[in-house]
Amino acid sequence: SDALRPWIYIWQDKEIERLRKINRLKEYAESCYNHGLKCGDNQDFRSAVKFFNDALTYDPLNTNYLSIRAMAKCQIEDYKGALEDYDKVIELYPTKKDIYLYRSRVKDLLGDWDGAESDRIRAKLVIK
């Protein structure tokens, strides 16, 4: 057991450094997200989308980042991009009722009325 002790310390040090790096990346992602929100507040939705893209580079499964980017994409009439983001949010978090409603609006704008109605029905069925 004493022979393993140095190896365990090396492993612990590497694991601690790995966790610190993940934390730094998440902090950077959060900073990008906050900059995107400020751009959105100033009606600069193209810049907002760029900041949200950066945030998602460092935290790609964050459903808040995805859904707010989808909203910004709608503001610049990138409805297909918004639809992709909403699809991903639903894939990751299928009980997010409001996302079905947002996605239904995008589908309406794209002329997918059956898909939009299906999402409105799904939103009613989601328990939350």
N, C-alpha and C. Protein backbone atom coordinates (compact mmCIF):
# COMPACT_ATOMS: atom_id res chain seq x y z
N SER A 1 0.82 -1.19 0.00
CA SER A 1 0.00 0.00 0.00
C SER A 1 0.87 1.26 0.00
N ASP A 2 2.02 1.23 0.69
CA ASP A 2 2.92 2.38 0.68
C ASP A 2 3.50 2.62 -0.70
N ALA A 3 3.67 1.56 -1.48
CA ALA A 3 4.20 1.70 -2.84
C ALA A 3 3.22 2.43 -3.74
N LEU A 4 1.93 2.32 -3.46
CA LEU A 4 0.91 2.99 -4.27
C LEU A 4 0.71 4.45 -3.88
N ARG A 5 1.12 4.79 -2.70
CA ARG A 5 0.85 6.13 -2.18
C ARG A 5 1.33 7.26 -3.13
N PRO A 6 2.57 7.25 -3.64
CA PRO A 6 2.99 8.33 -4.55
C PRO A 6 2.10 8.39 -5.80
N TRP A 7 1.73 7.24 -6.31
CA TRP A 7 0.88 7.21 -7.51
C TRP A 7 -0.47 7.85 -7.22
N ILE A 8 -1.01 7.56 -6.04
CA ILE A 8 -2.31 8.13 -5.66
C ILE A 8 -2.21 9.65 -5.58
N TYR A 9 -1.14 10.18 -5.02
CA TYR A 9 -0.97 11.64 -4.93
C TYR A 9 -0.85 12.26 -6.32
N ILE A 10 -0.12 11.61 -7.21
CA ILE A 10 0.00 12.11 -8.59
C ILE A 10 -1.36 12.14 -9.25
N TRP A 11 -2.12 11.06 -9.08
CA TRP A 11 -3.45 10.99 -9.67
C TRP A 11 -4.35 12.08 -9.10
N GLN A 12 -4.30 12.28 -7.78
CA GLN A 12 -5.12 13.31 -7.14
C GLN A 12 -4.77 14.70 -7.67
N ASP A 13 -3.48 14.98 -7.81
CA ASP A 13 -3.05 16.28 -8.33
C ASP A 13 -3.57 16.50 -9.74
N LYS A 14 -3.47 15.47 -10.57
CA LYS A 14 -3.95 15.59 -11.95
C LYS A 14 -5.47 15.78 -11.98
N GLU A 15 -6.17 15.08 -11.13
CA GLU A 15 -7.63 15.20 -11.08
C GLU A 15 -8.03 16.59 -10.59
N ILE A 16 -7.34 17.10 -9.60
CA ILE A 16 -7.62 18.45 -9.10
C ILE A 16 -7.39 19.48 -10.20
N GLU A 17 -6.30 19.35 -10.94
CA GLU A 17 -6.01 20.28 -12.04
C GLU A 17 -7.07 20.18 -13.14
N ARG A 18 -7.51 18.97 -13.44
CA ARG A 18 -8.55 18.77 -14.46
C ARG A 18 -9.84 19.46 -14.03
N LEU A 19 -10.21 19.32 -12.77
CA LEU A 19 -11.43 19.96 -12.28
C LEU A 19 -11.31 21.48 -12.27
N ARG A 20 -10.13 21.99 -11.96
CA ARG A 20 -9.91 23.44 -12.01
C ARG A 20 -10.07 23.96 -13.43
N LYS A 21 -9.53 23.22 -14.39
CA LYS A 21 -9.65 23.63 -15.79
C LYS A 21 -11.11 23.64 -16.22
N ILE A 22 -11.87 22.62 -15.85
CA ILE A 22 -13.29 22.58 -16.18
C ILE A 22 -14.00 23.79 -15.56
N ASN A 23 -13.67 24.11 -14.33
CA ASN A 23 -14.28 25.24 -13.66
C ASN A 23 -13.96 26.56 -14.39
N ARG A 24 -12.69 26.70 -14.82
CA ARG A 24 -12.30 27.92 -15.56
C ARG A 24 -13.06 28.02 -16.87
N LEU A 25 -13.25 26.90 -17.56
CA LEU A 25 -13.98 26.91 -18.83
C LEU A 25 -15.44 27.28 -18.61
N LYS A 26 -16.02 26.76 -17.56
CA LYS A 26 -17.42 27.10 -17.26
C LYS A 26 -17.54 28.58 -16.88
N GLU A 27 -16.57 29.10 -16.16
CA GLU A 27 -16.58 30.52 -15.82
C GLU A 27 -16.47 31.37 -17.08
N TYR A 28 -15.60 30.96 -18.01
CA TYR A 28 -15.47 31.69 -19.27
C TYR A 28 -16.77 31.61 -20.07
N ALA A 29 -17.38 30.43 -20.10
CA ALA A 29 -18.66 30.27 -20.80
C ALA A 29 -19.71 31.20 -20.20
N GLU A 30 -19.75 31.27 -18.89
CA GLU A 30 -20.72 32.14 -18.21
C GLU A 30 -20.45 33.62 -18.55
N SER A 31 -19.19 33.99 -18.65
CA SER A 31 -18.84 35.35 -19.02
C SER A 31 -19.32 35.67 -20.44
N CYS A 32 -19.10 34.75 -21.36
CA CYS A 32 -19.57 34.93 -22.74
C CYS A 32 -21.09 35.05 -22.77
N TYR A 33 -21.76 34.20 -22.03
CA TYR A 33 -23.22 34.23 -21.95
C TYR A 33 -23.70 35.59 -21.45
N ASN A 34 -23.07 36.11 -20.39
CA ASN A 34 -23.48 37.41 -19.84
C ASN A 34 -23.24 38.54 -20.84
N HIS A 35 -22.14 38.47 -21.60
CA HIS A 35 -21.91 39.46 -22.65
C HIS A 35 -23.00 39.37 -23.72
N GLY A 36 -23.39 38.15 -24.06
CA GLY A 36 -24.47 37.96 -25.03
C GLY A 36 -25.77 38.56 -24.55
N LEU A 37 -26.06 38.39 -23.27
CA LEU A 37 -27.29 38.98 -22.72
C LEU A 37 -27.26 40.50 -22.82
N LYS A 38 -26.08 41.09 -22.54
CA LYS A 38 -25.96 42.55 -22.65
C LYS A 38 -26.18 43.00 -24.09
N CYS A 39 -25.64 42.26 -25.03
CA CYS A 39 -25.86 42.60 -26.45
C CYS A 39 -27.34 42.51 -26.79
N GLY A 40 -27.99 41.47 -26.31
CA GLY A 40 -29.43 41.34 -26.54
C GLY A 40 -30.21 42.49 -25.95
N ASP A 41 -29.84 42.91 -24.74
CA ASP A 41 -30.50 44.06 -24.12
C ASP A 41 -30.36 45.31 -24.97
N ASN A 42 -29.25 45.41 -25.72
CA ASN A 42 -28.99 46.56 -26.60
C ASN A 42 -29.49 46.32 -28.03
N GLN A 43 -30.28 45.26 -28.21
CA GLN A 43 -30.85 44.91 -29.52
C GLN A 43 -29.80 44.52 -30.56
N ASP A 44 -28.61 44.16 -30.13
CA ASP A 44 -27.55 43.72 -31.04
C ASP A 44 -27.53 42.18 -31.03
N PHE A 45 -28.50 41.61 -31.72
CA PHE A 45 -28.71 40.17 -31.64
C PHE A 45 -27.66 39.37 -32.39
N ARG A 46 -27.08 39.94 -33.43
CA ARG A 46 -26.01 39.23 -34.14
C ARG A 46 -24.79 39.02 -33.22
N SER A 47 -24.43 40.08 -32.51
CA SER A 47 -23.31 39.95 -31.56
C SER A 47 -23.69 39.00 -30.42
N ALA A 48 -24.94 39.08 -30.00
CA ALA A 48 -25.39 38.18 -28.93
C ALA A 48 -25.22 36.73 -29.34
N VAL A 49 -25.62 36.41 -30.58
CA VAL A 49 -25.48 35.03 -31.07
C VAL A 49 -24.01 34.61 -31.05
N LYS A 50 -23.12 35.52 -31.44
CA LYS A 50 -21.69 35.18 -31.43
C LYS A 50 -21.20 34.87 -30.01
N PHE A 51 -21.62 35.67 -29.05
CA PHE A 51 -21.21 35.40 -27.66
C PHE A 51 -21.81 34.08 -27.16
N PHE A 52 -23.07 33.82 -27.53
CA PHE A 52 -23.69 32.56 -27.10
C PHE A 52 -22.99 31.37 -27.78
N ASN A 53 -22.55 31.56 -29.02
CA ASN A 53 -21.76 30.51 -29.68
C ASN A 53 -20.50 30.21 -28.88
N ASP A 54 -19.82 31.27 -28.45
CA ASP A 54 -18.60 31.09 -27.65
C ASP A 54 -18.91 30.37 -26.34
N ALA A 55 -19.98 30.77 -25.68
CA ALA A 55 -20.36 30.12 -24.42
C ALA A 55 -20.60 28.63 -24.64
N LEU A 56 -21.27 28.31 -25.74
CA LEU A 56 -21.58 26.90 -26.02
C LEU A 56 -20.35 26.11 -26.44
N THR A 57 -19.32 26.78 -26.93
CA THR A 57 -18.07 26.10 -27.23
C THR A 57 -17.48 25.48 -25.96
N TYR A 58 -17.64 26.20 -24.85
CA TYR A 58 -17.05 25.76 -23.59
C TYR A 58 -18.03 25.01 -22.68
N ASP A 59 -19.31 25.09 -22.99
CA ASP A 59 -20.33 24.38 -22.20
C ASP A 59 -21.46 23.98 -23.16
N PRO A 60 -21.17 23.01 -24.05
CA PRO A 60 -22.07 22.71 -25.17
C PRO A 60 -23.41 22.08 -24.80
N LEU A 61 -23.57 21.60 -23.61
CA LEU A 61 -24.83 20.96 -23.24
C LEU A 61 -25.69 21.83 -22.32
N ASN A 62 -25.35 23.11 -22.23
CA ASN A 62 -26.08 24.02 -21.36
C ASN A 62 -27.38 24.44 -22.06
N THR A 63 -28.50 23.95 -21.55
CA THR A 63 -29.79 24.23 -22.20
C THR A 63 -30.20 25.70 -22.08
N ASN A 64 -29.75 26.38 -21.05
CA ASN A 64 -30.04 27.82 -20.95
C ASN A 64 -29.36 28.58 -22.08
N TYR A 65 -28.10 28.25 -22.34
CA TYR A 65 -27.37 28.92 -23.41
C TYR A 65 -28.02 28.61 -24.76
N LEU A 66 -28.39 27.36 -24.97
CA LEU A 66 -29.02 26.97 -26.24
C LEU A 66 -30.35 27.69 -26.44
N SER A 67 -31.17 27.74 -25.42
CA SER A 67 -32.50 28.34 -25.59
C SER A 67 -32.41 29.85 -25.78
N ILE A 68 -31.50 30.51 -25.08
CA ILE A 68 -31.39 31.97 -25.26
C ILE A 68 -30.77 32.28 -26.62
N ARG A 69 -29.86 31.41 -27.10
CA ARG A 69 -29.31 31.62 -28.45
C ARG A 69 -30.41 31.44 -29.49
N ALA A 70 -31.30 30.48 -29.27
CA ALA A 70 -32.42 30.28 -30.20
C ALA A 70 -33.28 31.53 -30.26
N MET A 71 -33.53 32.14 -29.12
CA MET A 71 -34.33 33.37 -29.10
C MET A 71 -33.64 34.49 -29.86
N ALA A 72 -32.33 34.60 -29.67
CA ALA A 72 -31.58 35.64 -30.40
C ALA A 72 -31.59 35.35 -31.91
N LYS A 73 -31.47 34.07 -32.28
CA LYS A 73 -31.51 33.71 -33.70
C LYS A 73 -32.86 34.09 -34.31
N CYS A 74 -33.93 33.93 -33.55
CA CYS A 74 -35.24 34.35 -34.05
C CYS A 74 -35.26 35.84 -34.34
N GLN A 75 -34.60 36.62 -33.52
CA GLN A 75 -34.57 38.08 -33.70
C GLN A 75 -33.85 38.48 -34.99
N ILE A 76 -32.92 37.64 -35.45
CA ILE A 76 -32.23 37.95 -36.72
C ILE A 76 -32.78 37.08 -37.86
N GLU A 77 -33.96 36.49 -37.60
CA GLU A 77 -34.69 35.68 -38.58
C GLU A 77 -33.93 34.45 -39.06
N ASP A 78 -33.08 33.91 -38.20
CA ASP A 78 -32.43 32.63 -38.48
C ASP A 78 -33.28 31.54 -37.83
N TYR A 79 -34.44 31.31 -38.44
CA TYR A 79 -35.41 30.39 -37.86
C TYR A 79 -34.94 28.94 -37.89
N LYS A 80 -34.25 28.56 -38.94
CA LYS A 80 -33.74 27.18 -39.00
C LYS A 80 -32.70 26.94 -37.91
N GLY A 81 -31.84 27.92 -37.69
CA GLY A 81 -30.86 27.81 -36.61
C GLY A 81 -31.53 27.75 -35.25
N ALA A 82 -32.57 28.56 -35.07
CA ALA A 82 -33.31 28.55 -33.81
C ALA A 82 -33.97 27.19 -33.59
N LEU A 83 -34.53 26.65 -34.66
CA LEU A 83 -35.19 25.34 -34.58
C LEU A 83 -34.18 24.26 -34.16
N GLU A 84 -32.98 24.31 -34.72
CA GLU A 84 -31.94 23.34 -34.34
C GLU A 84 -31.61 23.46 -32.85
N ASP A 85 -31.52 24.69 -32.36
CA ASP A 85 -31.21 24.88 -30.94
C ASP A 85 -32.34 24.35 -30.06
N TYR A 86 -33.58 24.66 -30.43
CA TYR A 86 -34.71 24.17 -29.64
C TYR A 86 -34.78 22.64 -29.69
N ASP A 87 -34.49 22.06 -30.84
CA ASP A 87 -34.47 20.59 -30.95
C ASP A 87 -33.45 20.00 -29.98
N LYS A 88 -32.28 20.63 -29.90
CA LYS A 88 -31.22 20.13 -29.01
C LYS A 88 -31.64 20.26 -27.54
N VAL A 89 -32.27 21.38 -27.20
CA VAL A 89 -32.73 21.56 -25.81
C VAL A 89 -33.73 20.46 -25.46
N ILE A 90 -34.66 20.18 -26.36
CA ILE A 90 -35.66 19.15 -26.09
C ILE A 90 -35.02 17.77 -26.01
N GLU A 91 -34.01 17.54 -26.84
CA GLU A 91 -33.29 16.27 -26.76
C GLU A 91 -32.63 16.09 -25.39
N LEU A 92 -32.06 17.17 -24.87
CA LEU A 92 -31.36 17.11 -23.59
C LEU A 92 -32.30 17.19 -22.39
N TYR A 93 -33.42 17.88 -22.57
CA TYR A 93 -34.30 18.16 -21.44
C TYR A 93 -35.75 18.12 -21.93
N PRO A 94 -36.27 16.92 -22.19
CA PRO A 94 -37.59 16.79 -22.83
C PRO A 94 -38.78 17.24 -21.98
N THR A 95 -38.56 17.58 -20.73
CA THR A 95 -39.67 18.04 -19.89
C THR A 95 -39.74 19.56 -19.77
N LYS A 96 -39.00 20.27 -20.60
CA LYS A 96 -39.02 21.74 -20.56
C LYS A 96 -40.20 22.23 -21.41
N LYS A 97 -41.31 22.39 -20.74
CA LYS A 97 -42.58 22.70 -21.39
C LYS A 97 -42.52 23.94 -22.28
N ASP A 98 -41.93 25.01 -21.77
CA ASP A 98 -41.90 26.27 -22.52
C ASP A 98 -41.15 26.15 -23.84
N ILE A 99 -40.16 25.26 -23.90
CA ILE A 99 -39.39 25.12 -25.14
C ILE A 99 -40.25 24.57 -26.26
N TYR A 100 -41.18 23.68 -25.95
CA TYR A 100 -42.11 23.19 -26.98
C TYR A 100 -42.93 24.34 -27.54
N LEU A 101 -43.34 25.26 -26.67
CA LEU A 101 -44.12 26.41 -27.13
C LEU A 101 -43.27 27.34 -27.99
N TYR A 102 -42.04 27.60 -27.57
CA TYR A 102 -41.15 28.44 -28.37
C TYR A 102 -40.89 27.79 -29.73
N ARG A 103 -40.63 26.48 -29.69
CA ARG A 103 -40.37 25.78 -30.94
C ARG A 103 -41.59 25.80 -31.84
N SER A 104 -42.78 25.73 -31.26
CA SER A 104 -44.00 25.77 -32.08
C SER A 104 -44.11 27.10 -32.82
N ARG A 105 -43.70 28.19 -32.17
CA ARG A 105 -43.74 29.51 -32.83
C ARG A 105 -42.78 29.55 -34.02
N VAL A 106 -41.61 28.96 -33.83
CA VAL A 106 -40.63 28.93 -34.93
C VAL A 106 -41.16 28.08 -36.07
N LYS A 107 -41.76 26.95 -35.75
CA LYS A 107 -42.33 26.09 -36.79
C LYS A 107 -43.44 26.83 -37.54
N ASP A 108 -44.25 27.61 -36.82
CA ASP A 108 -45.26 28.44 -37.49
C ASP A 108 -44.60 29.39 -38.49
N LEU A 109 -43.53 30.04 -38.06
CA LEU A 109 -42.83 30.99 -38.94
C LEU A 109 -42.23 30.31 -40.16
N LEU A 110 -41.87 29.04 -40.02
CA LEU A 110 -41.31 28.27 -41.13
C LEU A 110 -42.39 27.60 -41.98
N GLY A 111 -43.64 27.77 -41.59
CA GLY A 111 -44.74 27.19 -42.35
C GLY A 111 -45.04 25.73 -42.01
N ASP A 112 -44.47 25.22 -40.95
CA ASP A 112 -44.72 23.84 -40.52
C ASP A 112 -45.85 23.86 -39.48
N TRP A 113 -47.07 24.06 -39.98
CA TRP A 113 -48.21 24.23 -39.09
C TRP A 113 -48.55 22.94 -38.34
N ASP A 114 -48.41 21.79 -39.00
CA ASP A 114 -48.68 20.52 -38.31
C ASP A 114 -47.66 20.29 -37.19
N GLY A 115 -46.40 20.56 -37.48
CA GLY A 115 -45.36 20.42 -36.47
C GLY A 115 -45.57 21.38 -35.31
N ALA A 116 -46.01 22.60 -35.63
CA ALA A 116 -46.27 23.59 -34.59
C ALA A 116 -47.42 23.13 -33.69
N GLU A 117 -48.47 22.62 -34.29
CA GLU A 117 -49.61 22.14 -33.50
C GLU A 117 -49.20 20.94 -32.64
N SER A 118 -48.39 20.07 -33.20
CA SER A 118 -47.89 18.92 -32.45
C SER A 118 -47.11 19.37 -31.21
N ASP A 119 -46.28 20.40 -31.38
CA ASP A 119 -45.52 20.92 -30.23
C ASP A 119 -46.43 21.55 -29.19
N ARG A 120 -47.49 22.24 -29.63
CA ARG A 120 -48.42 22.84 -28.67
C ARG A 120 -49.13 21.74 -27.86
N ILE A 121 -49.46 20.65 -28.53
CA ILE A 121 -50.09 19.52 -27.84
C ILE A 121 -49.10 18.89 -26.86
N ARG A 122 -47.85 18.70 -27.30
CA ARG A 122 -46.82 18.14 -26.41
C ARG A 122 -46.62 19.00 -25.18
N ALA A 123 -46.64 20.32 -25.37
CA ALA A 123 -46.46 21.24 -24.23
C ALA A 123 -47.55 21.02 -23.20
N LYS A 124 -48.76 20.76 -23.65
CA LYS A 124 -49.86 20.51 -22.71
C LYS A 124 -49.69 19.18 -21.97
N LEU A 125 -49.02 18.23 -22.62
CA LEU A 125 -48.86 16.90 -22.03
C LEU A 125 -47.68 16.81 -21.08
N VAL A 126 -46.73 17.73 -21.22
CA VAL A 126 -45.55 17.71 -20.35
C VAL A 126 -45.96 18.11 -18.95
N ILE A 127 -45.59 17.28 -18.01
CA ILE A 127 -45.94 17.55 -16.61
C ILE A 127 -44.78 18.27 -15.95
N LYS A 128 -44.99 19.50 -15.62
CA LYS A 128 -43.95 20.29 -14.92
C LYS A 128 -44.47 21.65 -14.63
